[in-house]
Amino acid sequence: MFSAHNPRAANAYQRINVETSMHTIDQHQLVSLLYEGALNSIATARGAMARGDVLGKCNAVSKAVRIIEEGLSTALDKVDGGELAENLGALYDYCIRRLILANARNDDAMMEEVMRLIEPIALGWNEIKKSNNGAAPAAATASGQPVLVEA
């Protein structure tokens, strides 16, 4: 006999799938996914704001902030990354502040600004993999942590 849909079981399966995926992708791909997730969350927030969906906007902005703060910022190698890691850290901090302010003020232009700042870095990051035939340069993986290098 079939049982009713159990959301807990589905969530547990999804968590296991995500955790398994995280162990099978390389660091470069992980950073690419973080950029993609941040940009998608900002786009979702902008759409929710246009529809007047306050909860959706707040959730999407919160997700983008967490991705930038807990994913991209913590992935920077601030010891060996030098000026590049320092500059990216400052940019991420700026983006976080702008997203929080955009959320509070319902300011689409601020959200668009953050997208315009992150998109070229994400594109450059993806080009690194292509231009190096699948191998990230040594500067990009110093100490085993990705440090963004502009292409």
Protein backbone atom coordinates (compact mmCIF):
# COMPACT_ATOMS: atom_id res chain seq x y z
CA MET A 1 0.00 0.00 0.00
CA PHE A 2 1.17 3.55 -0.65
CA SER A 3 1.51 6.00 2.19
CA ALA A 4 0.77 9.70 2.12
CA HIS A 5 3.54 12.06 1.05
CA ASN A 6 5.87 12.64 3.98
CA PRO A 7 7.62 16.03 3.69
CA ARG A 8 10.17 15.08 6.34
CA ALA A 9 11.32 12.08 4.35
CA ALA A 10 11.54 14.17 1.18
CA ASN A 11 13.59 16.83 2.99
CA ALA A 12 15.93 14.21 4.43
CA TYR A 13 16.46 12.72 0.97
CA GLN A 14 17.14 16.17 -0.48
CA ARG A 15 19.70 16.95 2.26
CA ILE A 16 21.51 13.65 1.62
CA ASN A 17 21.52 14.37 -2.12
CA VAL A 18 22.97 17.86 -1.57
CA GLU A 19 25.59 16.60 0.88
CA THR A 20 26.63 13.84 -1.50
CA SER A 21 26.87 16.32 -4.37
CA MET A 22 29.05 18.65 -2.28
CA HIS A 23 31.63 15.89 -1.83
CA THR A 24 31.82 15.09 -5.55
CA ILE A 25 32.31 18.57 -7.03
CA ASP A 26 35.58 20.46 -7.11
CA GLN A 27 36.22 23.76 -5.35
CA HIS A 28 36.02 25.73 -8.59
CA GLN A 29 32.60 24.34 -9.38
CA LEU A 30 31.44 25.04 -5.84
CA VAL A 31 32.34 28.73 -6.13
CA SER A 32 30.54 28.83 -9.50
CA LEU A 33 27.43 27.43 -7.84
CA LEU A 34 27.68 30.01 -5.07
CA TYR A 35 27.78 32.84 -7.61
CA GLU A 36 24.86 31.33 -9.49
CA GLY A 37 22.88 30.94 -6.28
CA ALA A 38 23.54 34.52 -5.18
CA LEU A 39 22.55 35.95 -8.57
CA ASN A 40 19.42 33.78 -8.77
CA SER A 41 18.39 34.79 -5.25
CA ILE A 42 18.77 38.48 -6.07
CA ALA A 43 16.73 38.01 -9.25
CA THR A 44 14.07 36.20 -7.22
CA ALA A 45 14.04 39.05 -4.69
CA ARG A 46 13.61 41.60 -7.47
CA GLY A 47 10.70 39.64 -8.93
CA ALA A 48 9.06 39.24 -5.53
CA MET A 49 9.44 42.95 -4.86
CA ALA A 50 7.83 43.79 -8.22
CA ARG A 51 4.88 41.53 -7.30
CA GLY A 52 4.55 43.02 -3.82
CA ASP A 53 5.52 39.70 -2.19
CA VAL A 54 7.27 41.02 0.92
CA LEU A 55 7.96 37.61 2.46
CA GLY A 56 9.35 36.23 -0.79
CA LYS A 57 11.58 39.28 -1.21
CA CYS A 58 12.89 39.06 2.36
CA ASN A 59 13.58 35.34 2.06
CA ALA A 60 15.39 35.75 -1.26
CA VAL A 61 17.52 38.67 -0.01
CA SER A 62 18.35 36.69 3.13
CA LYS A 63 19.44 33.74 1.01
CA ALA A 64 21.64 35.96 -1.21
CA VAL A 65 23.25 37.57 1.85
CA ARG A 66 23.97 34.18 3.40
CA ILE A 67 25.51 32.87 0.18
CA ILE A 68 27.79 35.89 -0.11
CA GLU A 69 28.65 36.03 3.58
CA GLU A 70 28.91 32.35 4.48
CA GLY A 71 29.95 30.97 1.11
CA LEU A 72 31.90 33.42 -1.02
CA SER A 73 33.48 35.48 1.77
CA THR A 74 34.58 32.48 3.82
CA ALA A 75 36.05 30.83 0.72
CA LEU A 76 38.57 33.64 0.30
CA ASP A 77 42.10 32.80 1.36
CA LYS A 78 42.91 35.96 3.27
CA VAL A 79 46.39 34.72 4.20
CA ASP A 80 47.76 33.86 0.76
CA GLY A 81 45.18 35.65 -1.40
CA GLY A 82 46.81 39.02 -0.97
CA GLU A 83 45.27 42.17 -2.36
CA LEU A 84 42.83 40.27 -4.57
CA ALA A 85 41.25 38.43 -1.64
CA GLU A 86 41.19 41.66 0.36
CA ASN A 87 39.44 43.54 -2.48
CA LEU A 88 36.91 40.77 -3.01
CA GLY A 89 36.21 40.66 0.71
CA ALA A 90 35.52 44.41 0.68
CA LEU A 91 33.29 44.02 -2.38
CA TYR A 92 31.32 41.22 -0.73
CA ASP A 93 30.87 43.34 2.40
CA TYR A 94 29.62 46.22 0.26
CA CYS A 95 27.21 43.92 -1.60
CA ILE A 96 25.82 42.59 1.67
CA ARG A 97 25.25 46.10 3.01
CA ARG A 98 23.56 47.17 -0.24
CA LEU A 99 21.27 44.14 -0.26
CA ILE A 100 20.18 44.74 3.32
CA LEU A 101 19.51 48.39 2.57
CA ALA A 102 17.72 47.52 -0.68
CA ASN A 103 15.52 45.12 1.25
CA ALA A 104 14.65 47.73 3.88
CA ARG A 105 13.95 50.44 1.29
CA ASN A 106 12.39 48.26 -1.43
CA ASP A 107 15.04 49.65 -3.78
CA ASP A 108 15.32 47.67 -7.00
CA ALA A 109 18.19 49.83 -8.26
CA MET A 110 20.38 48.75 -5.33
CA MET A 111 19.65 45.08 -6.02
CA GLU A 112 20.44 45.62 -9.69
CA GLU A 113 23.72 47.30 -8.69
CA VAL A 114 24.76 44.24 -6.68
CA MET A 115 23.94 41.99 -9.63
CA ARG A 116 26.04 44.22 -11.92
CA LEU A 117 28.95 43.94 -9.48
CA ILE A 118 28.81 40.17 -9.07
CA GLU A 119 28.00 39.09 -12.64
CA PRO A 120 31.37 39.99 -14.24
CA ILE A 121 33.26 38.28 -11.42
CA ALA A 122 31.13 35.16 -11.84
CA LEU A 123 31.70 35.19 -15.60
CA GLY A 124 35.45 35.65 -15.10
CA TRP A 125 35.53 32.82 -12.59
CA ASN A 126 33.80 30.51 -15.06
CA GLU A 127 36.23 31.52 -17.82
CA ILE A 128 39.20 30.48 -15.67
CA LYS A 129 38.13 26.86 -15.87
CA LYS A 130 37.60 27.04 -19.63
CA SER A 131 40.89 28.80 -20.39
CA ASN A 132 42.96 26.42 -18.25
CA ASN A 133 41.48 23.22 -19.67
CA GLY A 134 39.84 22.27 -16.40
CA ALA A 135 42.67 23.19 -14.05
CA ALA A 136 42.35 26.27 -11.89
CA PRO A 137 45.58 28.26 -11.64
CA ALA A 138 47.72 27.83 -8.55
CA ALA A 139 46.89 31.35 -7.39
CA ALA A 140 43.21 30.49 -7.47
CA THR A 141 43.57 27.53 -5.13
CA ALA A 142 46.24 28.67 -2.69
CA SER A 143 46.03 26.69 0.55
CA GLY A 144 43.25 24.56 -0.92
CA GLN A 145 40.70 27.39 -0.83
CA PRO A 146 39.49 29.21 -3.89
CA VAL A 147 40.64 32.77 -4.33
CA LEU A 148 39.02 34.53 -7.23
CA VAL A 149 41.32 35.51 -10.04
CA GLU A 150 40.04 37.73 -12.82
CA ALA A 151 40.32 36.24 -16.28
